[in-house]
């Protein structure tokens, strides 16, 4: 029984680390009150308290599946990533010019999907615009 509790605690702590990292990536202050407000603004069910958000951030508890899905949407990531970590087979990774890998956010992945669905001339317009802005 002790091993199950330890592995659960380890899984909870890993979840908490990914949650705080996702907040940092989105430039959201890693504060239970901030997380509670953002979450409650997006969630259609019963509101959570700052204490609940703090417990998520510390790994003392995990959100239910419906709350996890909402939390992922708020943080522009996937519920699977928050709960279990990156799955390289399902994540869209990009190698940057400096050689580092970065995982595209959900909204960035949607952008890439929409870009791919464009016709050749529309893709060229988007590429030209991005190149002009990036230079």
C-alpha atoms as a PDB file:
ATOM      1  CA  UNK A   1       0.000   0.000   0.000  1.00  0.00           C
ATOM      2  CA  UNK A   2       2.889   2.365   0.733  1.00  0.00           C
ATOM      3  CA  UNK A   3       4.179   2.002  -2.845  1.00  0.00           C
ATOM      4  CA  UNK A   4       0.818   3.032  -4.309  1.00  0.00           C
ATOM      5  CA  UNK A   5       0.720   6.110  -2.075  1.00  0.00           C
ATOM      6  CA  UNK A   6       4.314   7.022  -2.992  1.00  0.00           C
ATOM      7  CA  UNK A   7       3.700   6.639  -6.724  1.00  0.00           C
ATOM      8  CA  UNK A   8       0.478   8.635  -6.439  1.00  0.00           C
ATOM      9  CA  UNK A   9       2.303  11.341  -4.543  1.00  0.00           C
ATOM     10  CA  UNK A  10       5.078  11.344  -7.178  1.00  0.00           C
ATOM     11  CA  UNK A  11       2.468  11.564  -9.976  1.00  0.00           C
ATOM     12  CA  UNK A  12       0.728  14.424  -8.162  1.00  0.00           C
ATOM     13  CA  UNK A  13       4.007  16.315  -7.724  1.00  0.00           C
ATOM     14  CA  UNK A  14       4.826  15.837 -11.412  1.00  0.00           C
ATOM     15  CA  UNK A  15       1.358  17.134 -12.312  1.00  0.00           C
ATOM     16  CA  UNK A  16       1.909  20.158 -10.067  1.00  0.00           C
ATOM     17  CA  UNK A  17       5.257  20.900 -11.739  1.00  0.00           C
ATOM     18  CA  UNK A  18       3.679  20.715 -15.212  1.00  0.00           C
ATOM     19  CA  UNK A  19       0.797  22.939 -14.061  1.00  0.00           C
ATOM     20  CA  UNK A  20       3.144  25.639 -12.761  1.00  0.00           C
ATOM     21  CA  UNK A  21       5.306  25.335 -15.894  1.00  0.00           C
ATOM     22  CA  UNK A  22       2.224  25.755 -18.117  1.00  0.00           C
ATOM     23  CA  UNK A  23       1.300  28.877 -16.136  1.00  0.00           C
ATOM     24  CA  UNK A  24       4.836  30.253 -16.568  1.00  0.00           C
ATOM     25  CA  UNK A  25       4.809  29.537 -20.310  1.00  0.00           C
ATOM     26  CA  UNK A  26       1.581  31.536 -20.607  1.00  0.00           C
ATOM     27  CA  UNK A  27       3.132  34.296 -18.445  1.00  0.00           C
ATOM     28  CA  UNK A  28       0.500  33.729 -15.762  1.00  0.00           C
ATOM     29  CA  UNK A  29       1.633  34.470 -12.228  1.00  0.00           C
ATOM     30  CA  UNK A  30       2.004  31.159 -10.362  1.00  0.00           C
ATOM     31  CA  UNK A  31      -0.531  32.107  -7.719  1.00  0.00           C
ATOM     32  CA  UNK A  32      -3.434  30.048  -6.420  1.00  0.00           C
ATOM     33  CA  UNK A  33      -5.691  33.110  -6.447  1.00  0.00           C
ATOM     34  CA  UNK A  34      -4.804  33.946 -10.054  1.00  0.00           C
ATOM     35  CA  UNK A  35      -5.321  30.322 -11.144  1.00  0.00           C
ATOM     36  CA  UNK A  36      -8.643  30.133  -9.270  1.00  0.00           C
ATOM     37  CA  UNK A  37      -9.945  33.289 -10.962  1.00  0.00           C
ATOM     38  CA  UNK A  38      -8.859  32.217 -14.464  1.00  0.00           C
ATOM     39  CA  UNK A  39     -10.258  28.734 -13.989  1.00  0.00           C
ATOM     40  CA  UNK A  40     -13.603  29.902 -12.566  1.00  0.00           C
ATOM     41  CA  UNK A  41     -14.032  32.377 -15.438  1.00  0.00           C
ATOM     42  CA  UNK A  42     -13.803  29.479 -17.912  1.00  0.00           C
ATOM     43  CA  UNK A  43     -15.439  26.610 -16.005  1.00  0.00           C
ATOM     44  CA  UNK A  44     -19.185  26.065 -16.358  1.00  0.00           C
ATOM     45  CA  UNK A  45     -19.574  23.943 -13.201  1.00  0.00           C
ATOM     46  CA  UNK A  46     -19.144  24.760  -9.533  1.00  0.00           C
ATOM     47  CA  UNK A  47     -16.413  27.257  -8.798  1.00  0.00           C
ATOM     48  CA  UNK A  48     -13.217  26.219  -7.069  1.00  0.00           C
ATOM     49  CA  UNK A  49     -11.625  27.998  -4.121  1.00  0.00           C
ATOM     50  CA  UNK A  50      -8.078  29.357  -3.976  1.00  0.00           C
ATOM     51  CA  UNK A  51      -7.408  26.458  -1.567  1.00  0.00           C
ATOM     52  CA  UNK A  52      -8.326  23.942  -4.297  1.00  0.00           C
ATOM     53  CA  UNK A  53      -6.084  25.722  -6.810  1.00  0.00           C
ATOM     54  CA  UNK A  54      -3.251  25.762  -4.262  1.00  0.00           C
ATOM     55  CA  UNK A  55      -3.671  22.016  -3.694  1.00  0.00           C
ATOM     56  CA  UNK A  56      -3.372  21.429  -7.455  1.00  0.00           C
ATOM     57  CA  UNK A  57      -0.262  23.614  -7.602  1.00  0.00           C
ATOM     58  CA  UNK A  58       1.342  21.760  -4.681  1.00  0.00           C
ATOM     59  CA  UNK A  59       0.354  18.298  -5.889  1.00  0.00           C
ATOM     60  CA  UNK A  60      -1.832  17.632  -2.855  1.00  0.00           C
ATOM     61  CA  UNK A  61      -4.762  16.791  -5.110  1.00  0.00           C
ATOM     62  CA  UNK A  62      -5.637  16.435  -8.775  1.00  0.00           C
ATOM     63  CA  UNK A  63      -8.555  18.040 -10.604  1.00  0.00           C
ATOM     64  CA  UNK A  64     -11.375  15.829 -11.842  1.00  0.00           C
ATOM     65  CA  UNK A  65     -11.309  15.018 -15.555  1.00  0.00           C
ATOM     66  CA  UNK A  66     -13.778  17.755 -16.552  1.00  0.00           C
ATOM     67  CA  UNK A  67     -11.799  20.323 -14.549  1.00  0.00           C
ATOM     68  CA  UNK A  68      -8.542  19.046 -16.023  1.00  0.00           C
ATOM     69  CA  UNK A  69      -9.893  19.585 -19.550  1.00  0.00           C
ATOM     70  CA  UNK A  70     -10.966  23.140 -18.681  1.00  0.00           C
ATOM     71  CA  UNK A  71      -7.651  23.834 -16.959  1.00  0.00           C
ATOM     72  CA  UNK A  72      -5.772  22.697 -20.061  1.00  0.00           C
ATOM     73  CA  UNK A  73      -7.871  25.016 -22.249  1.00  0.00           C
ATOM     74  CA  UNK A  74      -7.189  27.941 -19.915  1.00  0.00           C
ATOM     75  CA  UNK A  75      -3.448  27.217 -20.109  1.00  0.00           C
ATOM     76  CA  UNK A  76      -3.427  26.497 -23.871  1.00  0.00           C
ATOM     77  CA  UNK A  77      -2.098  22.986 -23.449  1.00  0.00           C
ATOM     78  CA  UNK A  78      -3.576  19.491 -23.440  1.00  0.00           C
ATOM     79  CA  UNK A  79      -5.183  17.663 -20.551  1.00  0.00           C
ATOM     80  CA  UNK A  80      -3.008  14.671 -21.413  1.00  0.00           C
ATOM     81  CA  UNK A  81       0.145  16.760 -21.032  1.00  0.00           C
ATOM     82  CA  UNK A  82      -0.935  18.238 -17.696  1.00  0.00           C
ATOM     83  CA  UNK A  83      -1.884  14.867 -16.258  1.00  0.00           C
ATOM     84  CA  UNK A  84       0.786  12.573 -17.715  1.00  0.00           C
ATOM     85  CA  UNK A  85       3.509  14.706 -19.308  1.00  0.00           C
ATOM     86  CA  UNK A  86       4.616  15.042 -22.886  1.00  0.00           C
ATOM     87  CA  UNK A  87       3.918  12.189 -25.228  1.00  0.00           C
ATOM     88  CA  UNK A  88       6.401  12.662 -28.082  1.00  0.00           C
ATOM     89  CA  UNK A  89       4.254  10.572 -30.421  1.00  0.00           C
ATOM     90  CA  UNK A  90       1.295  12.915 -29.961  1.00  0.00           C
ATOM     91  CA  UNK A  91       3.051  16.245 -29.382  1.00  0.00           C
ATOM     92  CA  UNK A  92       4.081  18.558 -32.171  1.00  0.00           C
ATOM     93  CA  UNK A  93       7.715  19.454 -31.594  1.00  0.00           C
ATOM     94  CA  UNK A  94       9.690  22.053 -33.471  1.00  0.00           C
ATOM     95  CA  UNK A  95      13.471  22.372 -33.541  1.00  0.00           C
ATOM     96  CA  UNK A  96      14.436  26.030 -33.268  1.00  0.00           C
ATOM     97  CA  UNK A  97      17.386  27.672 -35.009  1.00  0.00           C
ATOM     98  CA  UNK A  98      19.539  27.268 -31.870  1.00  0.00           C
ATOM     99  CA  UNK A  99      18.877  23.504 -31.881  1.00  0.00           C
ATOM    100  CA  UNK A 100      16.512  23.438 -28.906  1.00  0.00           C
ATOM    101  CA  UNK A 101      13.169  21.629 -29.105  1.00  0.00           C
ATOM    102  CA  UNK A 102       9.933  23.313 -28.205  1.00  0.00           C
ATOM    103  CA  UNK A 103       6.442  21.882 -28.029  1.00  0.00           C
ATOM    104  CA  UNK A 104       3.771  23.843 -29.863  1.00  0.00           C
ATOM    105  CA  UNK A 105       0.829  24.965 -27.781  1.00  0.00           C
ATOM    106  CA  UNK A 106      -2.658  23.818 -28.696  1.00  0.00           C
ATOM    107  CA  UNK A 107      -3.458  27.133 -30.403  1.00  0.00           C
ATOM    108  CA  UNK A 108      -0.178  26.997 -32.336  1.00  0.00           C
ATOM    109  CA  UNK A 109      -0.992  23.454 -33.467  1.00  0.00           C
ATOM    110  CA  UNK A 110      -4.420  24.611 -34.651  1.00  0.00           C
ATOM    111  CA  UNK A 111      -2.743  27.404 -36.611  1.00  0.00           C
ATOM    112  CA  UNK A 112      -0.432  24.911 -38.332  1.00  0.00           C
ATOM    113  CA  UNK A 113      -3.401  22.661 -39.154  1.00  0.00           C
ATOM    114  CA  UNK A 114      -5.308  25.590 -40.670  1.00  0.00           C
ATOM    115  CA  UNK A 115      -2.217  26.697 -42.595  1.00  0.00           C
ATOM    116  CA  UNK A 116      -1.830  23.223 -44.102  1.00  0.00           C
ATOM    117  CA  UNK A 117      -5.463  23.302 -45.247  1.00  0.00           C
ATOM    118  CA  UNK A 118      -4.870  26.511 -47.224  1.00  0.00           C
ATOM    119  CA  UNK A 119      -4.271  26.458 -50.945  1.00  0.00           C
ATOM    120  CA  UNK A 120      -0.760  26.992 -52.320  1.00  0.00           C
ATOM    121  CA  UNK A 121      -1.279  30.686 -53.097  1.00  0.00           C
ATOM    122  CA  UNK A 122      -2.807  31.334 -49.664  1.00  0.00           C
ATOM    123  CA  UNK A 123       0.109  29.539 -47.973  1.00  0.00           C
ATOM    124  CA  UNK A 124       2.511  31.745 -49.934  1.00  0.00           C
ATOM    125  CA  UNK A 125       0.679  34.880 -48.746  1.00  0.00           C
ATOM    126  CA  UNK A 126       0.863  33.737 -45.114  1.00  0.00           C
ATOM    127  CA  UNK A 127       4.537  32.762 -45.491  1.00  0.00           C
ATOM    128  CA  UNK A 128       5.392  36.100 -47.091  1.00  0.00           C
ATOM    129  CA  UNK A 129       3.585  37.975 -44.300  1.00  0.00           C
ATOM    130  CA  UNK A 130       5.314  35.987 -41.538  1.00  0.00           C
ATOM    131  CA  UNK A 131       8.698  36.446 -43.210  1.00  0.00           C
ATOM    132  CA  UNK A 132       8.098  40.194 -43.520  1.00  0.00           C
ATOM    133  CA  UNK A 133       7.100  40.532 -39.877  1.00  0.00           C
ATOM    134  CA  UNK A 134       9.875  38.263 -38.563  1.00  0.00           C
ATOM    135  CA  UNK A 135      12.688  40.098 -40.348  1.00  0.00           C
END
